[in-house]
Amino acid sequence: MNPVKMSNILLLAGTGRNVGKTTFGCCIVSQIAVQTTTISVKISKHPHPLTDGLHQLAGDDKTWFIAEERASEGNKDSLRYRKAGAVMSLYAMANDQSIGNIYMWLRQNINKQSALVIESGSLGVLVEPGAAFFLGPDSEKQVQWNFGFVRLKSYDEINGFNLHSLTFANGSWKIG
């Protein structure tokens, strides 16, 4: 199946934990949110229990769910995105077999003119985003994407990326 073009999505993925995905994503949200409605989505393959601050919007709880971050205090990544300026910050869990449910929910429930910053590697098999970044050092983890993306291999490259070269207008992301 060929990915469906969704120009309002900026996709972030990486080689693993602690490579700077959420920090980089929050920097992007902070910049873009002053111009347009910005929504963040963090998608995990691994089940995590819903905490008090997460309000479930959809899902079956076992193979997938999507929840809105409503907490005002804490250090969860979904709250960090909200504090960075996202008008809505979503946390989702989906295994490889159910990632399509997240895709369908986003298509049906999010305005196509809203800027979406999505932290997920697996969604790239279904969606061709307007912009994409892959963060982290070279590793055995291979990118399964069939579209162009910017590779940032180190904290220096991440911190040195010119965020002003990233724009969102008319429902589309552009790098350059």
N, C-alpha and C. Protein backbone atom coordinates (compact mmCIF):
# COMPACT_ATOMS: atom_id res chain seq x y z
N MET A 1 0.82 -1.18 0.00
CA MET A 1 0.00 0.00 0.00
C MET A 1 0.87 1.25 0.00
N ASN A 2 0.57 2.18 -0.89
CA ASN A 2 1.30 3.44 -0.92
C ASN A 2 0.77 4.37 0.15
N PRO A 3 1.68 5.10 0.81
CA PRO A 3 1.23 6.05 1.83
C PRO A 3 0.33 7.13 1.23
N VAL A 4 -0.63 7.59 2.00
CA VAL A 4 -1.55 8.65 1.59
C VAL A 4 -0.90 9.99 1.94
N LYS A 5 -0.88 10.91 0.97
CA LYS A 5 -0.29 12.23 1.19
C LYS A 5 -1.14 13.01 2.19
N MET A 6 -0.50 13.44 3.26
CA MET A 6 -1.15 14.30 4.25
C MET A 6 -0.16 15.44 4.57
N SER A 7 -0.28 16.50 3.79
CA SER A 7 0.68 17.60 3.85
C SER A 7 0.69 18.35 5.17
N ASN A 8 -0.38 18.23 5.95
CA ASN A 8 -0.43 18.94 7.23
C ASN A 8 0.30 18.20 8.36
N ILE A 9 0.87 17.05 8.05
CA ILE A 9 1.61 16.28 9.06
C ILE A 9 3.11 16.50 8.94
N LEU A 10 3.74 16.75 10.08
CA LEU A 10 5.19 16.71 10.21
C LEU A 10 5.46 15.49 11.08
N LEU A 11 6.25 14.56 10.56
CA LEU A 11 6.51 13.30 11.24
C LEU A 11 7.91 13.31 11.85
N LEU A 12 8.00 12.89 13.11
CA LEU A 12 9.27 12.77 13.83
C LEU A 12 9.46 11.32 14.27
N ALA A 13 10.62 10.78 14.01
CA ALA A 13 10.95 9.44 14.49
C ALA A 13 12.43 9.43 14.85
N GLY A 14 12.88 8.32 15.43
CA GLY A 14 14.28 8.25 15.82
C GLY A 14 14.74 6.84 16.05
N THR A 15 16.02 6.74 16.38
CA THR A 15 16.66 5.44 16.55
C THR A 15 16.33 4.80 17.89
N GLY A 16 15.73 5.54 18.77
CA GLY A 16 15.39 4.98 20.08
C GLY A 16 15.00 6.07 21.04
N ARG A 17 15.12 5.76 22.33
CA ARG A 17 14.78 6.72 23.38
C ARG A 17 15.91 7.72 23.57
N ASN A 18 15.53 8.90 24.05
CA ASN A 18 16.50 9.93 24.44
C ASN A 18 17.41 10.40 23.31
N VAL A 19 16.85 10.49 22.10
CA VAL A 19 17.63 11.03 20.98
C VAL A 19 17.21 12.46 20.64
N GLY A 20 16.20 12.98 21.35
CA GLY A 20 15.82 14.37 21.17
C GLY A 20 14.53 14.61 20.40
N LYS A 21 13.75 13.55 20.16
CA LYS A 21 12.52 13.69 19.35
C LYS A 21 11.54 14.68 19.99
N THR A 22 11.23 14.49 21.25
CA THR A 22 10.24 15.34 21.89
C THR A 22 10.76 16.76 22.06
N THR A 23 12.01 16.92 22.43
CA THR A 23 12.59 18.25 22.57
C THR A 23 12.55 18.99 21.24
N PHE A 24 12.95 18.32 20.16
CA PHE A 24 12.92 18.92 18.84
C PHE A 24 11.47 19.23 18.44
N GLY A 25 10.57 18.30 18.69
CA GLY A 25 9.16 18.51 18.37
C GLY A 25 8.58 19.70 19.11
N CYS A 26 8.93 19.86 20.38
CA CYS A 26 8.44 20.99 21.16
C CYS A 26 8.98 22.32 20.61
N CYS A 27 10.21 22.33 20.14
CA CYS A 27 10.77 23.54 19.52
C CYS A 27 9.98 23.90 18.26
N ILE A 28 9.63 22.89 17.48
CA ILE A 28 8.83 23.12 16.26
C ILE A 28 7.45 23.65 16.64
N VAL A 29 6.80 23.02 17.61
CA VAL A 29 5.47 23.46 18.05
C VAL A 29 5.54 24.90 18.54
N SER A 30 6.55 25.25 19.35
CA SER A 30 6.67 26.61 19.87
C SER A 30 6.74 27.64 18.76
N GLN A 31 7.44 27.32 17.69
CA GLN A 31 7.58 28.26 16.58
C GLN A 31 6.31 28.35 15.75
N ILE A 32 5.71 27.23 15.41
CA ILE A 32 4.57 27.21 14.50
C ILE A 32 3.27 27.63 15.19
N ALA A 33 3.13 27.34 16.48
CA ALA A 33 1.88 27.61 17.19
C ALA A 33 1.53 29.09 17.26
N VAL A 34 2.51 29.98 17.11
CA VAL A 34 2.20 31.41 17.12
C VAL A 34 1.53 31.83 15.81
N GLN A 35 1.63 31.00 14.77
CA GLN A 35 1.07 31.33 13.45
C GLN A 35 -0.23 30.60 13.14
N THR A 36 -0.39 29.39 13.64
CA THR A 36 -1.51 28.56 13.22
C THR A 36 -1.89 27.56 14.31
N THR A 37 -3.06 26.99 14.18
CA THR A 37 -3.50 25.95 15.11
C THR A 37 -2.58 24.74 14.98
N THR A 38 -1.99 24.35 16.08
CA THR A 38 -1.01 23.27 16.08
C THR A 38 -1.44 22.19 17.06
N ILE A 39 -1.40 20.95 16.59
CA ILE A 39 -1.79 19.79 17.39
C ILE A 39 -0.62 18.81 17.40
N SER A 40 -0.33 18.25 18.56
CA SER A 40 0.74 17.26 18.66
C SER A 40 0.14 15.89 18.95
N VAL A 41 0.82 14.87 18.45
CA VAL A 41 0.41 13.49 18.69
C VAL A 41 1.67 12.67 18.96
N LYS A 42 1.70 12.01 20.09
CA LYS A 42 2.79 11.08 20.39
C LYS A 42 2.19 9.68 20.33
N ILE A 43 2.74 8.86 19.43
CA ILE A 43 2.23 7.50 19.26
C ILE A 43 3.29 6.52 19.74
N SER A 44 2.88 5.63 20.62
CA SER A 44 3.76 4.59 21.16
C SER A 44 3.26 3.22 20.73
N LYS A 45 4.17 2.31 20.50
CA LYS A 45 3.80 0.92 20.22
C LYS A 45 3.58 0.14 21.51
N HIS A 46 4.07 0.69 22.61
CA HIS A 46 4.07 -0.03 23.88
C HIS A 46 2.93 0.45 24.77
N PRO A 47 2.14 -0.46 25.31
CA PRO A 47 1.02 -0.04 26.15
C PRO A 47 1.49 0.65 27.43
N HIS A 48 0.86 1.76 27.71
CA HIS A 48 1.07 2.48 28.96
C HIS A 48 -0.32 2.73 29.55
N PRO A 49 -0.47 2.59 30.84
CA PRO A 49 -1.80 2.88 31.41
C PRO A 49 -2.12 4.37 31.27
N LEU A 50 -3.39 4.66 31.10
CA LEU A 50 -3.82 6.05 31.04
C LEU A 50 -3.72 6.66 32.43
N THR A 51 -3.07 7.79 32.52
CA THR A 51 -2.95 8.49 33.80
C THR A 51 -4.14 9.43 33.97
N ASP A 52 -4.23 10.03 35.15
CA ASP A 52 -5.35 10.92 35.45
C ASP A 52 -5.52 12.05 34.45
N GLY A 53 -4.43 12.57 33.92
CA GLY A 53 -4.50 13.71 33.02
C GLY A 53 -4.89 13.37 31.60
N LEU A 54 -4.96 12.09 31.25
CA LEU A 54 -5.31 11.68 29.89
C LEU A 54 -6.78 11.28 29.81
N HIS A 55 -7.48 11.89 28.86
CA HIS A 55 -8.90 11.60 28.64
C HIS A 55 -9.03 10.80 27.35
N GLN A 56 -9.45 9.55 27.44
CA GLN A 56 -9.54 8.70 26.25
C GLN A 56 -10.63 9.19 25.31
N LEU A 57 -10.26 9.30 24.03
CA LEU A 57 -11.19 9.76 23.00
C LEU A 57 -11.70 8.62 22.13
N ALA A 58 -10.89 7.59 21.96
CA ALA A 58 -11.27 6.46 21.10
C ALA A 58 -10.36 5.27 21.41
N GLY A 59 -10.77 4.09 20.95
CA GLY A 59 -9.93 2.91 21.06
C GLY A 59 -10.55 1.79 21.87
N ASP A 60 -9.87 0.65 21.82
CA ASP A 60 -10.37 -0.53 22.52
C ASP A 60 -9.55 -0.86 23.77
N ASP A 61 -8.58 -0.03 24.11
CA ASP A 61 -7.72 -0.18 25.29
C ASP A 61 -6.67 -1.28 25.18
N LYS A 62 -6.88 -2.28 24.34
CA LYS A 62 -5.93 -3.40 24.27
C LYS A 62 -4.97 -3.27 23.11
N THR A 63 -5.48 -2.97 21.92
CA THR A 63 -4.60 -2.88 20.74
C THR A 63 -4.37 -1.45 20.29
N TRP A 64 -5.27 -0.53 20.70
CA TRP A 64 -5.05 0.88 20.36
C TRP A 64 -5.96 1.78 21.19
N PHE A 65 -5.49 3.01 21.39
CA PHE A 65 -6.32 4.06 21.96
C PHE A 65 -5.70 5.40 21.61
N ILE A 66 -6.51 6.43 21.71
CA ILE A 66 -6.03 7.79 21.55
C ILE A 66 -6.67 8.61 22.67
N ALA A 67 -5.83 9.42 23.33
CA ALA A 67 -6.28 10.18 24.48
C ALA A 67 -5.76 11.61 24.42
N GLU A 68 -6.53 12.53 24.97
CA GLU A 68 -6.12 13.93 25.01
C GLU A 68 -5.48 14.24 26.35
N GLU A 69 -4.34 14.93 26.30
CA GLU A 69 -3.65 15.35 27.52
C GLU A 69 -4.39 16.55 28.11
N ARG A 70 -4.81 16.42 29.37
CA ARG A 70 -5.52 17.51 30.03
C ARG A 70 -4.86 17.92 31.34
N ALA A 71 -3.78 17.27 31.70
CA ALA A 71 -3.08 17.61 32.94
C ALA A 71 -2.43 19.00 32.81
N SER A 72 -2.21 19.63 33.93
CA SER A 72 -1.53 20.92 33.91
C SER A 72 -0.15 20.85 34.55
N GLU A 73 0.13 19.74 35.20
CA GLU A 73 1.44 19.56 35.82
C GLU A 73 1.96 18.17 35.53
N GLY A 74 3.28 18.05 35.49
CA GLY A 74 3.92 16.76 35.25
C GLY A 74 5.01 16.90 34.21
N ASN A 75 5.59 15.76 33.83
CA ASN A 75 6.69 15.79 32.87
C ASN A 75 6.49 14.82 31.71
N LYS A 76 5.25 14.40 31.47
CA LYS A 76 4.98 13.51 30.34
C LYS A 76 5.23 14.26 29.04
N ASP A 77 5.63 13.53 28.02
CA ASP A 77 5.90 14.14 26.72
C ASP A 77 4.67 14.84 26.16
N SER A 78 3.50 14.24 26.32
CA SER A 78 2.28 14.87 25.80
C SER A 78 2.02 16.21 26.48
N LEU A 79 2.33 16.33 27.75
CA LEU A 79 2.17 17.61 28.45
C LEU A 79 3.24 18.61 28.00
N ARG A 80 4.44 18.14 27.73
CA ARG A 80 5.49 19.03 27.23
C ARG A 80 5.05 19.67 25.91
N TYR A 81 4.42 18.90 25.04
CA TYR A 81 3.93 19.45 23.77
C TYR A 81 2.85 20.51 24.03
N ARG A 82 1.97 20.25 24.95
CA ARG A 82 0.91 21.21 25.26
C ARG A 82 1.50 22.50 25.82
N LYS A 83 2.47 22.36 26.71
CA LYS A 83 3.13 23.55 27.28
C LYS A 83 3.90 24.32 26.21
N ALA A 84 4.34 23.64 25.16
CA ALA A 84 5.07 24.30 24.07
C ALA A 84 4.14 25.12 23.18
N GLY A 85 2.83 24.88 23.29
CA GLY A 85 1.90 25.68 22.51
C GLY A 85 0.87 24.92 21.71
N ALA A 86 0.91 23.60 21.73
CA ALA A 86 -0.10 22.83 21.00
C ALA A 86 -1.48 23.07 21.62
N VAL A 87 -2.48 23.40 20.79
CA VAL A 87 -3.83 23.62 21.32
C VAL A 87 -4.45 22.31 21.78
N MET A 88 -3.97 21.21 21.22
CA MET A 88 -4.40 19.88 21.64
C MET A 88 -3.17 18.98 21.58
N SER A 89 -2.97 18.23 22.64
CA SER A 89 -1.87 17.27 22.66
C SER A 89 -2.46 15.90 22.91
N LEU A 90 -2.18 14.98 21.98
CA LEU A 90 -2.75 13.64 22.05
C LEU A 90 -1.67 12.62 22.33
N TYR A 91 -2.02 11.61 23.09
CA TYR A 91 -1.15 10.46 23.31
C TYR A 91 -1.90 9.25 22.76
N ALA A 92 -1.24 8.48 21.94
CA ALA A 92 -1.87 7.31 21.34
C ALA A 92 -0.98 6.09 21.51
N MET A 93 -1.61 4.93 21.58
CA MET A 93 -0.90 3.66 21.60
C MET A 93 -1.52 2.80 20.52
N ALA A 94 -0.64 2.20 19.71
CA ALA A 94 -1.11 1.30 18.66
C ALA A 94 0.01 0.35 18.28
N ASN A 95 -0.32 -0.93 18.20
CA ASN A 95 0.66 -1.88 17.69
C ASN A 95 0.65 -1.79 16.16
N ASP A 96 1.57 -2.51 15.51
CA ASP A 96 1.68 -2.42 14.05
C ASP A 96 0.38 -2.79 13.34
N GLN A 97 -0.37 -3.71 13.89
CA GLN A 97 -1.61 -4.15 13.25
C GLN A 97 -2.74 -3.13 13.41
N SER A 98 -2.66 -2.25 14.40
CA SER A 98 -3.76 -1.32 14.65
C SER A 98 -3.41 0.14 14.40
N ILE A 99 -2.22 0.43 13.86
CA ILE A 99 -1.84 1.82 13.60
C ILE A 99 -2.81 2.49 12.62
N GLY A 100 -3.45 1.70 11.77
CA GLY A 100 -4.44 2.24 10.85
C GLY A 100 -5.62 2.88 11.55
N ASN A 101 -5.95 2.41 12.75
CA ASN A 101 -7.03 3.02 13.53
C ASN A 101 -6.68 4.45 13.94
N ILE A 102 -5.42 4.68 14.30
CA ILE A 102 -4.97 6.03 14.66
C ILE A 102 -5.05 6.92 13.42
N TYR A 103 -4.55 6.41 12.29
CA TYR A 103 -4.60 7.15 11.03
C TYR A 103 -6.04 7.55 10.69
N MET A 104 -6.97 6.61 10.76
CA MET A 104 -8.36 6.91 10.43
C MET A 104 -8.96 7.92 11.40
N TRP A 105 -8.66 7.80 12.68
CA TRP A 105 -9.19 8.74 13.65
C TRP A 105 -8.69 10.15 13.36
N LEU A 106 -7.40 10.28 13.07
CA LEU A 106 -6.84 11.60 12.77
C LEU A 106 -7.50 12.20 11.52
N ARG A 107 -7.67 11.39 10.47
CA ARG A 107 -8.30 11.88 9.23
C ARG A 107 -9.73 12.34 9.47
N GLN A 108 -10.42 11.65 10.33
CA GLN A 108 -11.84 11.97 10.57
C GLN A 108 -12.06 13.09 11.57
N ASN A 109 -11.09 13.33 12.45
CA ASN A 109 -11.34 14.24 13.58
C ASN A 109 -10.47 15.49 13.65
N ILE A 110 -9.45 15.58 12.81
CA ILE A 110 -8.56 16.73 12.86
C ILE A 110 -8.69 17.54 11.58
N ASN A 111 -8.87 18.84 11.72
CA ASN A 111 -8.98 19.74 10.58
C ASN A 111 -7.70 19.66 9.73
N LYS A 112 -7.86 19.52 8.43
CA LYS A 112 -6.72 19.38 7.52
C LYS A 112 -5.90 20.67 7.40
N GLN A 113 -6.42 21.78 7.91
CA GLN A 113 -5.66 23.04 7.90
C GLN A 113 -4.83 23.21 9.17
N SER A 114 -5.00 22.33 10.15
CA SER A 114 -4.22 22.38 11.38
C SER A 114 -2.85 21.74 11.15
N ALA A 115 -1.84 22.34 11.75
CA ALA A 115 -0.50 21.77 11.70
C ALA A 115 -0.42 20.62 12.70
N LEU A 116 -0.07 19.45 12.20
CA LEU A 116 0.08 18.27 13.06
C LEU A 116 1.56 17.93 13.20
N VAL A 117 2.03 17.84 14.43
CA VAL A 117 3.38 17.38 14.72
C VAL A 117 3.21 16.02 15.38
N ILE A 118 3.64 14.96 14.67
CA ILE A 118 3.39 13.60 15.15
C ILE A 118 4.72 12.89 15.39
N GLU A 119 4.88 12.38 16.59
CA GLU A 119 6.06 11.62 16.97
C GLU A 119 5.73 10.14 16.83
N SER A 120 6.17 9.56 15.72
CA SER A 120 5.88 8.16 15.43
C SER A 120 6.68 7.70 14.23
N GLY A 121 7.29 6.55 14.33
CA GLY A 121 7.94 5.96 13.17
C GLY A 121 6.98 5.12 12.35
N SER A 122 6.06 4.44 13.03
CA SER A 122 5.20 3.48 12.36
C SER A 122 4.13 4.12 11.48
N LEU A 123 3.72 5.35 11.77
CA LEU A 123 2.69 5.98 10.96
C LEU A 123 3.18 6.26 9.53
N GLY A 124 4.48 6.32 9.35
CA GLY A 124 5.07 6.59 8.04
C GLY A 124 4.80 5.51 7.00
N VAL A 125 4.34 4.34 7.40
CA VAL A 125 3.98 3.32 6.41
C VAL A 125 2.62 3.61 5.79
N LEU A 126 1.80 4.44 6.45
CA LEU A 126 0.46 4.76 5.96
C LEU A 126 0.34 6.17 5.40
N VAL A 127 1.21 7.07 5.86
CA VAL A 127 1.08 8.48 5.56
C VAL A 127 2.37 9.01 4.94
N GLU A 128 2.23 9.81 3.90
CA GLU A 128 3.36 10.59 3.39
C GLU A 128 3.17 12.01 3.90
N PRO A 129 3.99 12.42 4.86
CA PRO A 129 3.79 13.73 5.48
C PRO A 129 4.32 14.87 4.62
N GLY A 130 3.95 16.09 5.02
CA GLY A 130 4.50 17.26 4.35
C GLY A 130 5.97 17.45 4.65
N ALA A 131 6.40 17.01 5.83
CA ALA A 131 7.81 17.07 6.24
C ALA A 131 8.07 15.93 7.22
N ALA A 132 9.32 15.47 7.25
CA ALA A 132 9.66 14.37 8.16
C ALA A 132 11.12 14.50 8.60
N PHE A 133 11.35 14.09 9.84
CA PHE A 133 12.69 14.10 10.42
C PHE A 133 12.93 12.75 11.09
N PHE A 134 14.17 12.26 10.94
CA PHE A 134 14.60 11.05 11.63
C PHE A 134 15.81 11.42 12.46
N LEU A 135 15.73 11.24 13.78
CA LEU A 135 16.76 11.69 14.70
C LEU A 135 17.52 10.52 15.31
N GLY A 136 18.81 10.76 15.52
CA GLY A 136 19.63 9.78 16.23
C GLY A 136 20.80 9.31 15.41
N PRO A 137 21.77 8.70 16.09
CA PRO A 137 22.98 8.22 15.41
C PRO A 137 22.67 7.05 14.48
N ASP A 138 23.62 6.80 13.58
CA ASP A 138 23.48 5.62 12.72
C ASP A 138 23.33 4.39 13.61
N SER A 139 22.45 3.51 13.21
CA SER A 139 22.23 2.29 13.98
C SER A 139 21.67 1.23 13.04
N GLU A 140 21.38 0.07 13.62
CA GLU A 140 20.79 -0.99 12.83
C GLU A 140 19.33 -0.71 12.51
N LYS A 141 18.73 0.22 13.23
CA LYS A 141 17.33 0.55 12.98
C LYS A 141 17.21 1.24 11.62
N GLN A 142 16.44 0.65 10.75
CA GLN A 142 16.27 1.17 9.40
C GLN A 142 14.96 1.94 9.30
N VAL A 143 14.98 2.99 8.51
CA VAL A 143 13.78 3.77 8.26
C VAL A 143 12.96 3.05 7.20
N GLN A 144 11.69 2.81 7.48
CA GLN A 144 10.81 2.09 6.57
C GLN A 144 9.95 3.05 5.74
N TRP A 145 10.42 4.27 5.54
CA TRP A 145 9.65 5.28 4.85
C TRP A 145 9.99 5.31 3.36
N ASN A 146 8.97 5.55 2.54
CA ASN A 146 9.15 5.65 1.09
C ASN A 146 8.98 7.09 0.63
N PHE A 147 9.48 8.03 1.43
CA PHE A 147 9.41 9.45 1.10
C PHE A 147 10.66 10.11 1.68
N GLY A 148 10.94 11.31 1.23
CA GLY A 148 12.12 12.03 1.69
C GLY A 148 11.98 12.50 3.13
N PHE A 149 13.10 12.60 3.82
CA PHE A 149 13.11 13.09 5.20
C PHE A 149 14.48 13.67 5.50
N VAL A 150 14.54 14.49 6.53
CA VAL A 150 15.79 15.07 7.00
C VAL A 150 16.33 14.19 8.11
N ARG A 151 17.60 13.80 7.98
CA ARG A 151 18.25 12.96 9.00
C ARG A 151 19.16 13.84 9.85
N LEU A 152 18.90 13.87 11.15
CA LEU A 152 19.73 14.61 12.10
C LEU A 152 20.35 13.59 13.03
N LYS A 153 21.68 13.41 12.93
CA LYS A 153 22.35 12.29 13.60
C LYS A 153 22.87 12.59 15.01
N SER A 154 22.96 13.86 15.37
CA SER A 154 23.54 14.17 16.67
C SER A 154 22.81 15.36 17.29
N TYR A 155 23.05 15.57 18.58
CA TYR A 155 22.46 16.74 19.24
C TYR A 155 22.93 18.03 18.58
N ASP A 156 24.20 18.05 18.13
CA ASP A 156 24.71 19.24 17.44
C ASP A 156 23.92 19.52 16.17
N GLU A 157 23.61 18.47 15.40
CA GLU A 157 22.81 18.66 14.18
C GLU A 157 21.38 19.07 14.52
N ILE A 158 20.82 18.48 15.57
CA ILE A 158 19.46 18.84 15.98
C ILE A 158 19.43 20.29 16.43
N ASN A 159 20.36 20.67 17.31
CA ASN A 159 20.39 22.04 17.82
C ASN A 159 20.76 23.04 16.74
N GLY A 160 21.51 22.60 15.73
CA GLY A 160 21.94 23.48 14.65
C GLY A 160 20.94 23.63 13.52
N PHE A 161 19.87 22.83 13.54
CA PHE A 161 18.88 22.91 12.46
C PHE A 161 18.18 24.26 12.54
N ASN A 162 18.09 24.93 11.41
CA ASN A 162 17.44 26.25 11.34
C ASN A 162 15.93 26.07 11.32
N LEU A 163 15.30 26.24 12.47
CA LEU A 163 13.85 26.08 12.55
C LEU A 163 13.10 27.09 11.70
N HIS A 164 13.73 28.21 11.39
CA HIS A 164 13.07 29.21 10.55
C HIS A 164 12.97 28.76 9.09
N SER A 165 13.68 27.70 8.73
CA SER A 165 13.55 27.15 7.38
C SER A 165 12.32 26.24 7.27
N LEU A 166 11.69 26.00 8.39
CA LEU A 166 10.49 25.15 8.45
C LEU A 166 9.26 26.04 8.55
N THR A 167 8.34 25.89 7.60
CA THR A 167 7.14 26.72 7.60
C THR A 167 5.89 25.86 7.42
N PHE A 168 4.78 26.44 7.84
CA PHE A 168 3.48 25.80 7.64
C PHE A 168 2.53 26.86 7.11
N ALA A 169 1.97 26.63 5.93
CA ALA A 169 1.03 27.57 5.33
C ALA A 169 0.06 26.80 4.43
N ASN A 170 -1.19 27.23 4.41
CA ASN A 170 -2.22 26.62 3.56
C ASN A 170 -2.31 25.11 3.74
N GLY A 171 -2.18 24.66 4.97
CA GLY A 171 -2.32 23.25 5.27
C GLY A 171 -1.15 22.37 4.89
N SER A 172 0.03 22.99 4.63
CA SER A 172 1.20 22.20 4.21
C SER A 172 2.48 22.65 4.91
N TRP A 173 3.30 21.67 5.25
CA TRP A 173 4.64 21.92 5.78
C TRP A 173 5.61 22.09 4.62
N LYS A 174 6.64 22.90 4.84
CA LYS A 174 7.70 23.07 3.85
C LYS A 174 9.03 23.27 4.58
N ILE A 175 10.06 22.61 4.08
CA ILE A 175 11.41 22.77 4.61
C ILE A 175 12.22 23.47 3.51
N GLY A 176 12.87 24.58 3.88
CA GLY A 176 13.73 25.22 2.89
C GLY A 176 13.49 26.61 2.61
